[in-house]
N, C-alpha and C. Protein backbone atom coordinates (compact mmCIF):
# COMPACT_ATOMS: atom_id res chain seq x y z
N MET A 1 172.05 168.33 127.03
CA MET A 1 171.19 167.29 126.51
C MET A 1 171.98 166.43 125.52
N THR A 2 171.81 165.13 125.62
CA THR A 2 172.55 164.25 124.72
C THR A 2 171.82 164.15 123.39
N THR A 3 172.52 163.63 122.42
CA THR A 3 171.96 163.49 121.09
C THR A 3 170.76 162.55 121.11
N LYS A 4 170.85 161.49 121.92
CA LYS A 4 169.76 160.53 122.00
C LYS A 4 168.50 161.18 122.56
N SER A 5 168.63 161.96 123.62
CA SER A 5 167.46 162.60 124.22
C SER A 5 166.90 163.69 123.29
N LYS A 6 167.74 164.32 122.48
CA LYS A 6 167.26 165.30 121.50
C LYS A 6 166.38 164.61 120.46
N TRP A 7 166.84 163.44 120.00
CA TRP A 7 166.05 162.69 119.01
C TRP A 7 164.72 162.21 119.59
N ILE A 8 164.73 161.79 120.84
CA ILE A 8 163.50 161.34 121.49
C ILE A 8 162.53 162.53 121.62
N SER A 9 163.05 163.68 122.02
CA SER A 9 162.21 164.88 122.15
C SER A 9 161.63 165.28 120.80
N LEU A 10 162.45 165.23 119.77
CA LEU A 10 162.00 165.59 118.43
C LEU A 10 160.94 164.61 117.93
N ALA A 11 161.11 163.33 118.17
CA ALA A 11 160.14 162.31 117.76
C ALA A 11 158.82 162.50 118.51
N THR A 12 158.89 162.82 119.81
CA THR A 12 157.69 163.06 120.60
C THR A 12 156.94 164.28 120.08
N LEU A 13 157.67 165.35 119.80
CA LEU A 13 157.08 166.57 119.27
C LEU A 13 156.41 166.32 117.90
N ALA A 14 157.07 165.56 117.05
CA ALA A 14 156.52 165.24 115.74
C ALA A 14 155.25 164.41 115.88
N THR A 15 155.24 163.45 116.81
CA THR A 15 154.06 162.62 117.03
C THR A 15 152.88 163.47 117.52
N VAL A 16 153.14 164.37 118.46
CA VAL A 16 152.09 165.25 118.96
C VAL A 16 151.53 166.11 117.83
N PHE A 17 152.42 166.63 117.00
CA PHE A 17 152.00 167.47 115.87
C PHE A 17 151.12 166.68 114.91
N ILE A 18 151.53 165.46 114.58
CA ILE A 18 150.76 164.63 113.65
C ILE A 18 149.38 164.30 114.23
N LEU A 19 149.31 163.98 115.51
CA LEU A 19 148.02 163.70 116.15
C LEU A 19 147.13 164.93 116.16
N ALA A 20 147.70 166.10 116.41
CA ALA A 20 146.92 167.34 116.41
C ALA A 20 146.33 167.61 115.03
N VAL A 21 147.12 167.39 113.99
CA VAL A 21 146.64 167.58 112.62
C VAL A 21 145.52 166.59 112.31
N ALA A 22 145.66 165.34 112.75
CA ALA A 22 144.64 164.33 112.50
C ALA A 22 143.33 164.69 113.20
N VAL A 23 143.41 165.16 114.43
CA VAL A 23 142.20 165.55 115.17
C VAL A 23 141.53 166.74 114.49
N ALA A 24 142.32 167.72 114.07
CA ALA A 24 141.77 168.90 113.40
C ALA A 24 141.12 168.52 112.07
N ALA A 25 141.69 167.56 111.36
CA ALA A 25 141.13 167.14 110.07
C ALA A 25 139.78 166.44 110.28
N GLN A 26 139.65 165.69 111.36
CA GLN A 26 138.37 165.02 111.63
C GLN A 26 137.28 166.01 111.97
N ALA A 27 137.63 167.14 112.54
CA ALA A 27 136.62 168.14 112.92
C ALA A 27 135.97 168.74 111.69
N GLY A 28 136.60 168.70 110.54
CA GLY A 28 136.00 169.22 109.32
C GLY A 28 136.22 170.72 109.18
N PRO A 29 135.62 171.31 108.15
CA PRO A 29 135.82 172.73 107.91
C PRO A 29 135.19 173.56 109.02
N HIS A 30 135.77 174.64 109.33
CA HIS A 30 135.27 175.61 110.32
C HIS A 30 135.13 174.99 111.71
N GLY A 31 135.92 173.95 112.01
CA GLY A 31 135.89 173.35 113.32
C GLY A 31 134.66 172.53 113.61
N ARG A 32 133.85 172.26 112.59
CA ARG A 32 132.62 171.50 112.79
C ARG A 32 132.87 170.02 112.57
N GLY A 33 132.06 169.19 113.20
CA GLY A 33 132.19 167.75 113.03
C GLY A 33 131.63 167.30 111.70
N LYS A 34 131.63 165.99 111.49
CA LYS A 34 131.19 165.49 110.20
C LYS A 34 129.68 165.58 110.01
N TRP A 35 128.90 165.66 111.08
CA TRP A 35 127.45 165.83 110.94
C TRP A 35 127.16 167.30 110.74
N ARG A 36 126.23 167.60 109.86
CA ARG A 36 125.88 168.99 109.57
C ARG A 36 125.36 169.71 110.80
N GLY A 37 124.78 169.00 111.75
CA GLY A 37 124.18 169.63 112.91
C GLY A 37 125.20 170.08 113.94
N ASP A 38 126.45 169.61 113.86
CA ASP A 38 127.46 170.06 114.80
C ASP A 38 127.84 171.49 114.48
N GLY A 39 128.12 172.24 115.51
CA GLY A 39 128.54 173.63 115.29
C GLY A 39 127.35 174.56 115.23
N PRO A 40 127.60 175.82 114.87
CA PRO A 40 126.51 176.79 114.87
C PRO A 40 125.47 176.45 113.83
N ARG A 41 124.22 176.58 114.21
CA ARG A 41 123.13 176.36 113.26
C ARG A 41 122.85 177.68 112.57
N GLN A 42 122.62 177.60 111.28
CA GLN A 42 122.44 178.81 110.50
C GLN A 42 121.15 179.54 110.85
N ASP A 43 120.11 178.80 111.23
CA ASP A 43 118.82 179.46 111.44
C ASP A 43 118.69 180.13 112.80
N CYS A 44 119.35 179.61 113.85
CA CYS A 44 119.11 180.17 115.16
C CYS A 44 120.39 180.49 115.94
N GLY A 45 121.56 180.17 115.41
CA GLY A 45 122.80 180.50 116.08
C GLY A 45 123.14 179.61 117.26
N GLU A 46 122.35 178.55 117.50
CA GLU A 46 122.64 177.65 118.60
C GLU A 46 123.78 176.72 118.23
N VAL A 47 124.39 176.14 119.24
CA VAL A 47 125.45 175.17 119.00
C VAL A 47 125.03 173.87 119.68
N GLY A 48 125.27 172.76 119.03
CA GLY A 48 124.91 171.51 119.67
C GLY A 48 125.11 170.32 118.78
N PRO A 49 124.70 169.17 119.27
CA PRO A 49 124.86 167.92 118.52
C PRO A 49 123.85 167.83 117.40
N PRO A 50 123.98 166.85 116.53
CA PRO A 50 123.01 166.68 115.45
C PRO A 50 121.60 166.52 116.02
N MET A 51 120.62 167.05 115.31
CA MET A 51 119.24 166.99 115.77
C MET A 51 118.58 165.67 115.41
N HIS A 52 119.10 164.95 114.42
CA HIS A 52 118.42 163.75 113.97
C HIS A 52 118.79 162.57 114.82
N LYS A 53 117.84 161.67 114.93
CA LYS A 53 118.05 160.39 115.59
C LYS A 53 117.69 159.34 114.57
N GLY A 54 118.56 158.45 114.27
CA GLY A 54 118.22 157.43 113.30
C GLY A 54 119.42 157.09 112.45
N PHE A 55 119.15 156.75 111.21
CA PHE A 55 120.18 156.22 110.34
C PHE A 55 120.67 157.24 109.33
N GLY A 56 120.72 158.48 109.65
CA GLY A 56 121.24 159.49 108.74
C GLY A 56 120.50 160.80 108.92
N PRO A 57 120.95 161.83 108.23
CA PRO A 57 120.41 163.16 108.45
C PRO A 57 118.97 163.33 108.01
N HIS A 58 118.41 162.43 107.21
CA HIS A 58 117.05 162.62 106.72
C HIS A 58 116.03 161.74 107.42
N HIS A 59 116.46 160.98 108.41
CA HIS A 59 115.55 160.07 109.10
C HIS A 59 115.29 160.60 110.50
N MET A 60 114.57 161.72 110.57
CA MET A 60 114.36 162.36 111.85
C MET A 60 113.18 161.75 112.60
N GLY A 61 112.22 161.21 111.90
CA GLY A 61 111.05 160.67 112.56
C GLY A 61 110.15 161.78 113.07
N MET A 62 109.08 161.41 113.71
CA MET A 62 108.10 162.39 114.18
C MET A 62 108.71 163.27 115.25
N ARG A 63 109.55 162.73 116.10
CA ARG A 63 110.10 163.49 117.20
C ARG A 63 110.92 164.67 116.69
N GLY A 64 111.74 164.45 115.68
CA GLY A 64 112.58 165.51 115.15
C GLY A 64 111.78 166.60 114.47
N LYS A 65 110.83 166.21 113.62
CA LYS A 65 110.03 167.20 112.91
C LYS A 65 109.10 167.93 113.86
N GLY A 66 108.52 167.22 114.81
CA GLY A 66 107.63 167.85 115.78
C GLY A 66 108.37 168.83 116.66
N ALA A 67 109.59 168.48 117.06
CA ALA A 67 110.38 169.38 117.89
C ALA A 67 110.75 170.63 117.12
N ARG A 68 111.09 170.47 115.85
CA ARG A 68 111.45 171.62 115.02
C ARG A 68 110.25 172.54 114.84
N LEU A 69 109.07 171.97 114.64
CA LEU A 69 107.84 172.75 114.50
C LEU A 69 107.56 173.51 115.79
N GLY A 70 107.75 172.84 116.92
CA GLY A 70 107.52 173.47 118.22
C GLY A 70 108.44 174.65 118.46
N ARG A 71 109.71 174.52 118.08
CA ARG A 71 110.66 175.64 118.24
C ARG A 71 110.32 176.78 117.31
N LEU A 72 109.95 176.46 116.09
CA LEU A 72 109.65 177.49 115.10
C LEU A 72 108.44 178.32 115.51
N LEU A 73 107.43 177.68 116.07
CA LEU A 73 106.15 178.35 116.33
C LEU A 73 105.91 178.71 117.79
N ASP A 74 106.84 178.40 118.68
CA ASP A 74 106.66 178.66 120.11
C ASP A 74 105.32 178.09 120.60
N LEU A 75 105.14 176.81 120.43
CA LEU A 75 103.88 176.17 120.79
C LEU A 75 103.70 176.08 122.30
N THR A 76 102.45 176.20 122.74
CA THR A 76 102.14 175.98 124.15
C THR A 76 102.08 174.47 124.39
N GLY A 77 102.01 174.10 125.65
CA GLY A 77 101.93 172.67 125.97
C GLY A 77 100.68 172.03 125.40
N ALA A 78 99.55 172.74 125.48
CA ALA A 78 98.30 172.21 124.94
C ALA A 78 98.38 172.04 123.43
N GLN A 79 98.99 173.02 122.76
CA GLN A 79 99.14 172.92 121.30
C GLN A 79 100.02 171.74 120.93
N ARG A 80 101.11 171.55 121.67
CA ARG A 80 102.00 170.41 121.40
C ARG A 80 101.23 169.09 121.52
N THR A 81 100.42 168.98 122.57
CA THR A 81 99.65 167.76 122.79
C THR A 81 98.65 167.54 121.65
N ASP A 82 97.95 168.60 121.26
CA ASP A 82 96.96 168.49 120.19
C ASP A 82 97.61 168.11 118.86
N ILE A 83 98.74 168.74 118.55
CA ILE A 83 99.42 168.45 117.29
C ILE A 83 99.97 167.03 117.29
N LYS A 84 100.48 166.59 118.43
CA LYS A 84 100.97 165.22 118.52
C LYS A 84 99.83 164.22 118.25
N ALA A 85 98.65 164.51 118.80
CA ALA A 85 97.49 163.63 118.59
C ALA A 85 97.09 163.61 117.12
N ILE A 86 97.12 164.78 116.46
CA ILE A 86 96.78 164.86 115.04
C ILE A 86 97.76 164.04 114.22
N ARG A 87 99.05 164.21 114.50
CA ARG A 87 100.07 163.49 113.74
C ARG A 87 99.95 161.98 113.96
N THR A 88 99.64 161.59 115.20
CA THR A 88 99.47 160.17 115.50
C THR A 88 98.28 159.60 114.73
N LYS A 89 97.22 160.39 114.64
CA LYS A 89 96.01 159.98 113.92
C LYS A 89 96.32 159.65 112.46
N TYR A 90 97.20 160.42 111.83
CA TYR A 90 97.50 160.23 110.41
C TYR A 90 98.70 159.31 110.17
N ARG A 91 99.47 159.00 111.20
CA ARG A 91 100.71 158.24 111.03
C ARG A 91 100.48 156.88 110.37
N ASP A 92 99.51 156.12 110.85
CA ASP A 92 99.27 154.78 110.30
C ASP A 92 98.83 154.83 108.84
N GLN A 93 97.97 155.80 108.52
CA GLN A 93 97.51 155.93 107.13
C GLN A 93 98.67 156.27 106.20
N MET A 94 99.54 157.19 106.63
CA MET A 94 100.69 157.57 105.81
C MET A 94 101.67 156.40 105.68
N LYS A 95 101.85 155.67 106.77
CA LYS A 95 102.76 154.52 106.73
C LYS A 95 102.24 153.48 105.73
N GLU A 96 100.94 153.27 105.73
CA GLU A 96 100.34 152.31 104.81
C GLU A 96 100.54 152.76 103.36
N LEU A 97 100.35 154.04 103.10
CA LEU A 97 100.54 154.56 101.74
C LEU A 97 102.01 154.46 101.29
N ARG A 98 102.94 154.74 102.22
CA ARG A 98 104.36 154.62 101.88
C ARG A 98 104.72 153.17 101.56
N THR A 99 104.15 152.23 102.31
CA THR A 99 104.38 150.81 102.05
C THR A 99 103.83 150.43 100.68
N GLU A 100 102.63 150.91 100.37
CA GLU A 100 102.04 150.64 99.05
C GLU A 100 102.93 151.20 97.94
N LEU A 101 103.47 152.40 98.16
CA LEU A 101 104.34 153.02 97.16
C LEU A 101 105.60 152.20 96.93
N ARG A 102 106.19 151.69 98.03
CA ARG A 102 107.38 150.83 97.90
C ARG A 102 107.04 149.55 97.14
N ASN A 103 105.89 148.96 97.47
CA ASN A 103 105.47 147.72 96.80
C ASN A 103 105.15 147.98 95.32
N LEU A 104 104.64 149.15 95.03
CA LEU A 104 104.27 149.50 93.67
C LEU A 104 105.49 149.72 92.76
N LYS A 105 106.63 150.02 93.37
CA LYS A 105 107.83 150.31 92.60
C LYS A 105 108.18 149.18 91.63
N GLY A 106 108.10 147.95 92.08
CA GLY A 106 108.40 146.81 91.21
C GLY A 106 107.43 146.71 90.06
N LYS A 107 106.14 146.94 90.35
CA LYS A 107 105.12 146.87 89.30
C LYS A 107 105.35 147.97 88.26
N VAL A 108 105.69 149.17 88.73
CA VAL A 108 105.94 150.29 87.82
C VAL A 108 107.14 149.98 86.93
N GLU A 109 108.20 149.41 87.50
CA GLU A 109 109.37 149.05 86.71
C GLU A 109 109.02 148.03 85.63
N GLU A 110 108.16 147.06 85.98
CA GLU A 110 107.74 146.06 84.99
C GLU A 110 106.94 146.71 83.86
N LEU A 111 106.05 147.65 84.22
CA LEU A 111 105.26 148.34 83.20
C LEU A 111 106.14 149.16 82.27
N VAL A 112 107.15 149.80 82.84
CA VAL A 112 108.07 150.61 82.02
C VAL A 112 108.86 149.69 81.08
N ARG A 113 109.36 148.57 81.60
CA ARG A 113 110.11 147.63 80.75
C ARG A 113 109.24 147.09 79.62
N ALA A 114 107.95 146.95 79.92
CA ALA A 114 107.02 146.44 78.90
C ALA A 114 106.61 147.54 77.92
N GLY A 115 107.04 148.76 78.17
CA GLY A 115 106.73 149.87 77.27
C GLY A 115 105.42 150.56 77.58
N ASN A 116 104.77 150.21 78.67
CA ASN A 116 103.50 150.82 79.03
C ASN A 116 103.75 151.96 80.02
N HIS A 117 104.31 153.05 79.52
CA HIS A 117 104.70 154.18 80.37
C HIS A 117 103.50 154.89 80.97
N GLU A 118 102.43 154.98 80.22
CA GLU A 118 101.25 155.69 80.73
C GLU A 118 100.64 154.98 81.94
N ALA A 119 100.54 153.66 81.88
CA ALA A 119 99.99 152.90 83.01
C ALA A 119 100.91 153.01 84.22
N ALA A 120 102.22 153.01 83.98
CA ALA A 120 103.19 153.16 85.08
C ALA A 120 103.02 154.52 85.75
N PHE A 121 102.87 155.55 84.94
CA PHE A 121 102.68 156.91 85.47
C PHE A 121 101.39 156.98 86.26
N ASP A 122 100.30 156.44 85.71
CA ASP A 122 99.00 156.50 86.38
C ASP A 122 99.02 155.77 87.72
N ALA A 123 99.68 154.63 87.79
CA ALA A 123 99.72 153.84 89.02
C ALA A 123 100.39 154.61 90.15
N SER A 124 101.55 155.19 89.86
CA SER A 124 102.26 155.91 90.92
C SER A 124 101.61 157.26 91.21
N THR A 125 101.03 157.90 90.21
CA THR A 125 100.42 159.21 90.41
C THR A 125 99.23 159.13 91.34
N GLU A 126 98.40 158.11 91.19
CA GLU A 126 97.22 157.97 92.04
C GLU A 126 97.61 157.83 93.50
N LEU A 127 98.64 157.04 93.77
CA LEU A 127 99.08 156.84 95.14
C LEU A 127 99.68 158.13 95.72
N ARG A 128 100.48 158.82 94.93
CA ARG A 128 101.07 160.09 95.39
C ARG A 128 99.99 161.13 95.63
N LYS A 129 98.96 161.11 94.82
CA LYS A 129 97.84 162.04 95.00
C LYS A 129 97.16 161.79 96.35
N ARG A 130 96.93 160.52 96.69
CA ARG A 130 96.31 160.19 97.98
C ARG A 130 97.18 160.65 99.14
N MET A 131 98.52 160.49 99.00
CA MET A 131 99.44 160.95 100.05
C MET A 131 99.38 162.47 100.18
N PHE A 132 99.34 163.17 99.06
CA PHE A 132 99.29 164.62 99.05
C PHE A 132 98.01 165.12 99.74
N VAL A 133 96.88 164.50 99.43
CA VAL A 133 95.61 164.89 100.03
C VAL A 133 95.63 164.63 101.53
N LEU A 134 96.17 163.48 101.94
CA LEU A 134 96.24 163.14 103.36
C LEU A 134 97.11 164.14 104.12
N ARG A 135 98.27 164.50 103.53
CA ARG A 135 99.14 165.51 104.17
C ARG A 135 98.41 166.85 104.29
N GLY A 136 97.67 167.21 103.25
CA GLY A 136 96.91 168.46 103.28
C GLY A 136 95.86 168.46 104.38
N GLU A 137 95.16 167.33 104.54
CA GLU A 137 94.16 167.23 105.60
C GLU A 137 94.81 167.36 106.97
N MET A 138 95.96 166.72 107.14
CA MET A 138 96.66 166.79 108.42
C MET A 138 97.09 168.23 108.71
N MET A 139 97.65 168.91 107.71
CA MET A 139 98.09 170.29 107.92
C MET A 139 96.91 171.21 108.21
N SER A 140 95.77 170.96 107.59
CA SER A 140 94.57 171.76 107.88
C SER A 140 94.16 171.61 109.34
N GLU A 141 94.21 170.39 109.83
CA GLU A 141 93.88 170.17 111.24
C GLU A 141 94.90 170.83 112.16
N ILE A 142 96.17 170.74 111.80
CA ILE A 142 97.21 171.37 112.63
C ILE A 142 97.02 172.88 112.63
N LYS A 143 96.73 173.47 111.48
CA LYS A 143 96.51 174.92 111.42
C LYS A 143 95.32 175.34 112.27
N GLY A 144 94.34 174.45 112.46
CA GLY A 144 93.20 174.75 113.31
C GLY A 144 93.59 174.92 114.77
N VAL A 145 94.73 174.38 115.17
CA VAL A 145 95.21 174.48 116.55
C VAL A 145 96.04 175.75 116.74
N LEU A 146 96.58 176.30 115.65
CA LEU A 146 97.52 177.42 115.73
C LEU A 146 96.81 178.78 115.75
N THR A 147 97.52 179.77 116.28
CA THR A 147 97.04 181.15 116.24
C THR A 147 97.37 181.74 114.87
N PRO A 148 96.74 182.86 114.47
CA PRO A 148 97.08 183.48 113.18
C PRO A 148 98.57 183.84 113.06
N GLU A 149 99.18 184.29 114.15
CA GLU A 149 100.61 184.62 114.12
C GLU A 149 101.45 183.38 113.87
N GLN A 150 101.08 182.27 114.49
CA GLN A 150 101.82 181.03 114.30
C GLN A 150 101.66 180.50 112.88
N ILE A 151 100.46 180.67 112.31
CA ILE A 151 100.24 180.24 110.92
C ILE A 151 101.12 181.06 109.99
N GLU A 152 101.25 182.36 110.27
CA GLU A 152 102.11 183.22 109.46
C GLU A 152 103.57 182.78 109.56
N LYS A 153 104.01 182.46 110.79
CA LYS A 153 105.39 181.96 110.99
C LYS A 153 105.60 180.66 110.23
N LEU A 154 104.59 179.79 110.27
CA LEU A 154 104.67 178.51 109.57
C LEU A 154 104.83 178.71 108.07
N GLU A 155 104.04 179.61 107.50
CA GLU A 155 104.13 179.89 106.06
C GLU A 155 105.49 180.49 105.70
N LYS A 156 106.00 181.38 106.53
CA LYS A 156 107.33 181.95 106.28
C LYS A 156 108.40 180.87 106.36
N GLY A 157 108.26 179.95 107.33
CA GLY A 157 109.21 178.85 107.45
C GLY A 157 109.17 177.94 106.24
N LYS A 158 107.97 177.71 105.70
CA LYS A 158 107.85 176.89 104.49
C LYS A 158 108.54 177.57 103.31
N GLU A 159 108.38 178.89 103.21
CA GLU A 159 109.04 179.63 102.12
C GLU A 159 110.56 179.53 102.23
N ARG A 160 111.08 179.70 103.46
CA ARG A 160 112.54 179.60 103.66
C ARG A 160 113.03 178.21 103.29
N ALA A 161 112.28 177.18 103.69
CA ALA A 161 112.66 175.80 103.36
C ALA A 161 112.66 175.58 101.86
N LYS A 162 111.66 176.14 101.18
CA LYS A 162 111.58 176.00 99.72
C LYS A 162 112.79 176.67 99.07
N GLU A 163 113.15 177.86 99.55
CA GLU A 163 114.31 178.57 99.00
C GLU A 163 115.59 177.77 99.22
N ARG A 164 115.74 177.18 100.43
CA ARG A 164 116.94 176.37 100.70
C ARG A 164 117.00 175.16 99.77
N ARG A 165 115.83 174.50 99.55
CA ARG A 165 115.81 173.34 98.64
C ARG A 165 116.20 173.76 97.23
N GLU A 166 115.67 174.90 96.78
CA GLU A 166 115.99 175.37 95.43
C GLU A 166 117.47 175.70 95.31
N ARG A 167 118.05 176.33 96.34
CA ARG A 167 119.49 176.64 96.30
C ARG A 167 120.31 175.36 96.25
N ARG A 168 119.94 174.37 97.08
CA ARG A 168 120.68 173.10 97.08
C ARG A 168 120.57 172.42 95.72
N PHE A 169 119.37 172.42 95.15
CA PHE A 169 119.17 171.80 93.85
C PHE A 169 120.00 172.52 92.80
N LYS A 170 119.98 173.84 92.84
CA LYS A 170 120.74 174.63 91.88
C LYS A 170 122.24 174.36 92.00
N ASN A 171 122.73 174.28 93.24
CA ASN A 171 124.15 174.04 93.46
C ASN A 171 124.55 172.62 93.06
N ARG A 172 123.67 171.66 93.21
CA ARG A 172 123.99 170.28 92.87
C ARG A 172 123.94 170.04 91.37
N HIS A 173 123.14 170.80 90.68
CA HIS A 173 122.90 170.54 89.27
C HIS A 173 123.45 171.63 88.37
N ARG A 174 124.61 172.15 88.74
CA ARG A 174 125.28 173.13 87.89
C ARG A 174 125.87 172.41 86.69
N PRO A 175 125.79 173.04 85.52
CA PRO A 175 126.41 172.40 84.35
C PRO A 175 127.93 172.37 84.51
N THR A 176 128.51 171.28 84.09
CA THR A 176 129.97 171.16 84.14
C THR A 176 130.58 171.90 82.96
N GLU A 177 131.70 172.51 83.21
CA GLU A 177 132.35 173.28 82.14
C GLU A 177 133.53 172.57 81.56
């Protein structure tokens, strides 16, 4: 082999090595992609693409949350249809309340700047209370469709979700040393 061909071989090998490192770096830790949903899921051991559809991991829409509920509770086809109808029934009301809350944000900021903190608190609290009550009514209707075993699974799932939120909050808000 000539010196020139040795240098070409070495350059080719170096290029392949650099590309391999770049591809591995994009995969992220543990061989997973940049979306949290890539790779093994912690709750069920499945592997697959991200579950969310939309503009980020928190914008799942009704399809994502409904599908997750269906997997968690092993819903029958009739239950899926009934729950979808219940969620559709409440969707417009919730959307209207969320829009009101967004519109209220400017008013609340003005009240705070003016020093009227109590009025600002009352304005947003009343709207959040209506949203809370509406969500409760929807969940009551959904529970009416479920079996006692499914309701128990749902409550356990809520507890696990609460624990995960608390762990994330705790990890994010550690005091700096």
